Protein backbone atom coordinates (compact mmCIF):
# COMPACT_ATOMS: atom_id res chain seq x y z
CA UNK A 1 0.00 0.00 0.00
CA UNK A 2 2.93 2.36 0.57
CA UNK A 3 4.04 2.09 -3.05
CA UNK A 4 0.51 2.75 -4.30
CA UNK A 5 0.29 5.75 -1.97
CA UNK A 6 3.56 7.21 -3.25
CA UNK A 7 2.54 6.67 -6.87
CA UNK A 8 -0.74 8.46 -6.11
CA UNK A 9 1.01 11.39 -4.40
CA UNK A 10 3.39 11.71 -7.36
CA UNK A 11 0.38 11.65 -9.74
CA UNK A 12 1.75 8.51 -11.40
CA UNK A 13 -1.41 6.38 -11.09
CA UNK A 14 -4.05 6.72 -13.77
CA UNK A 15 -7.41 4.95 -13.98
CA UNK A 16 -9.00 3.93 -17.29
CA UNK A 17 -12.37 2.31 -17.90
CA UNK A 18 -10.95 -0.58 -19.95
CA UNK A 19 -8.13 -1.39 -22.35
CA UNK A 20 -10.08 -1.35 -25.60
CA UNK A 21 -8.29 0.75 -28.22
CA UNK A 22 -9.37 1.20 -31.85
CA UNK A 23 -6.17 -0.02 -33.50
CA UNK A 24 -3.20 -2.34 -32.98
CA UNK A 25 -0.74 0.33 -34.20
CA UNK A 26 2.06 0.89 -31.65
CA UNK A 27 2.20 4.57 -32.61
CA UNK A 28 -1.35 4.98 -31.28
CA UNK A 29 -0.23 3.82 -27.81
CA UNK A 30 2.87 6.04 -27.92
CA UNK A 31 0.73 9.05 -28.89
CA UNK A 32 -1.74 8.20 -26.13
CA UNK A 33 1.05 8.06 -23.55
CA UNK A 34 2.44 11.40 -24.73
CA UNK A 35 -0.92 13.18 -24.94
CA UNK A 36 -1.96 12.09 -21.43
CA UNK A 37 1.42 12.98 -19.93
CA UNK A 38 2.19 9.46 -18.77
CA UNK A 39 5.82 8.51 -18.16
CA UNK A 40 7.74 6.65 -20.81
CA UNK A 41 7.91 3.49 -18.70
CA UNK A 42 4.29 2.50 -18.24
CA UNK A 43 2.79 -0.52 -16.51
CA UNK A 44 -0.78 -1.29 -17.57
CA UNK A 45 -2.74 -3.48 -15.16
CA UNK A 46 -6.08 -5.21 -15.72
CA UNK A 47 -8.13 -7.64 -13.66
CA UNK A 48 -7.88 -10.37 -16.29
CA UNK A 49 -4.78 -12.04 -17.66
CA UNK A 50 -6.37 -12.09 -21.12
CA UNK A 51 -5.90 -8.62 -22.57
CA UNK A 52 -7.74 -7.21 -25.59
CA UNK A 53 -6.09 -8.08 -28.91
CA UNK A 54 -5.39 -4.50 -30.02
CA UNK A 55 -3.63 -3.40 -26.82
CA UNK A 56 -1.61 -6.63 -26.76
CA UNK A 57 -0.48 -6.26 -30.36
CA UNK A 58 0.18 -2.52 -30.01
CA UNK A 59 2.39 -2.87 -26.92
CA UNK A 60 4.19 -6.02 -28.01
CA UNK A 61 7.07 -4.16 -29.65
CA UNK A 62 7.21 -1.23 -27.21
CA UNK A 63 9.85 -2.18 -24.66
CA UNK A 64 8.91 0.42 -22.04
CA UNK A 65 5.19 -0.43 -21.90
CA UNK A 66 4.17 -3.62 -20.13
CA UNK A 67 0.87 -5.38 -19.51
CA UNK A 68 0.26 -7.25 -16.26
CA UNK A 69 -2.73 -8.93 -14.60
CA UNK A 70 -3.61 -7.60 -11.15
CA UNK A 71 -2.60 -10.86 -9.45
CA UNK A 72 0.98 -10.32 -10.69
CA UNK A 73 1.25 -6.72 -9.47
CA UNK A 74 4.17 -6.29 -7.09
CA UNK A 75 6.28 -3.53 -5.56
CA UNK A 76 9.26 -4.12 -7.84
CA UNK A 77 7.14 -3.73 -10.97
CA UNK A 78 5.50 -0.57 -9.64
CA UNK A 79 8.88 0.96 -8.79
CA UNK A 80 10.41 -0.08 -12.12
CA UNK A 81 7.75 1.80 -14.11
CA UNK A 82 7.25 5.53 -13.94
CA UNK A 83 3.49 5.35 -14.58
CA UNK A 84 0.92 2.85 -13.36
CA UNK A 85 -2.28 2.59 -15.43
CA UNK A 86 -5.08 0.62 -13.79
CA UNK A 87 -8.42 -0.40 -15.22
CA UNK A 88 -11.50 0.17 -13.06
CA UNK A 89 -11.85 -3.58 -12.51
CA UNK A 90 -8.19 -3.78 -11.40
CA UNK A 91 -8.81 -1.00 -8.87
CA UNK A 92 -11.82 -2.92 -7.55
CA UNK A 93 -9.76 -6.10 -7.16
CA UNK A 94 -6.88 -4.29 -5.42
CA UNK A 95 -9.36 -2.59 -3.08
CA UNK A 96 -10.92 -5.94 -2.15
CA UNK A 97 -7.49 -7.42 -1.41
CA UNK A 98 -6.48 -4.47 0.78
CA UNK A 99 -9.78 -4.54 2.71
CA UNK A 100 -9.41 -8.28 3.20
CA UNK A 101 -5.87 -7.88 4.51
CA UNK A 102 -6.87 -5.06 6.88
CA UNK A 103 -9.79 -7.07 8.31
CA UNK A 104 -7.94 -10.32 8.97
CA UNK A 105 -8.10 -11.51 12.55
CA UNK A 106 -6.17 -14.72 12.09
CA UNK A 107 -2.73 -13.08 12.25
CA UNK A 108 -1.69 -15.00 15.37
CA UNK A 109 -2.76 -18.28 13.75
CA UNK A 110 -0.71 -17.40 10.65
CA UNK A 111 2.35 -16.64 12.79
CA UNK A 112 1.95 -19.98 14.56
CA UNK A 113 1.57 -21.75 11.21
CA UNK A 114 4.79 -20.19 9.95
CA UNK A 115 6.74 -21.17 13.05
CA UNK A 116 5.18 -24.53 14.02
CA UNK A 117 4.00 -25.97 10.73
CA UNK A 118 0.57 -26.64 9.29
CA UNK A 119 -2.49 -27.37 11.40
CA UNK A 120 -6.15 -27.15 10.51
CA UNK A 121 -7.47 -23.63 10.90
CA UNK A 122 -10.42 -21.56 9.81
CA UNK A 123 -10.19 -18.09 8.31
CA UNK A 124 -11.62 -15.48 10.65
CA UNK A 125 -12.75 -12.03 9.54
CA UNK A 126 -14.14 -9.26 11.66
CA UNK A 127 -17.88 -9.24 11.18
CA UNK A 128 -18.53 -5.73 12.54
CA UNK A 129 -16.52 -3.75 9.98
CA UNK A 130 -18.58 -2.87 6.92
CA UNK A 131 -16.98 -3.37 3.54
CA UNK A 132 -16.67 -0.12 1.64
């Protein structure tokens, strides 16, 4: 969450509705990046690991633009790229993961699992915190 916060403060996170573009021409993506003021190294993240054909073909030969599914998003990738472009569905998925992590109450059980080995356990979540 710290990396996402810093990217947000630096105005290096941008949200798009989806990744549908009208052409598979790489120049279209380069012009889009320039016109929107995105950094030259851009990481584009979507909820699915199957990206639209045009965006995949257009970014295939651009070395400084990468596509990544949200489940592969990590700190190193976010730091490596100047700009992070997230689809709305990727933002929703990241939000759900952060809320889940903040509401976990089985931290002590997880610590014990890591130090003593596996035992049967149930996942516990706080029931009184509303999901946003």
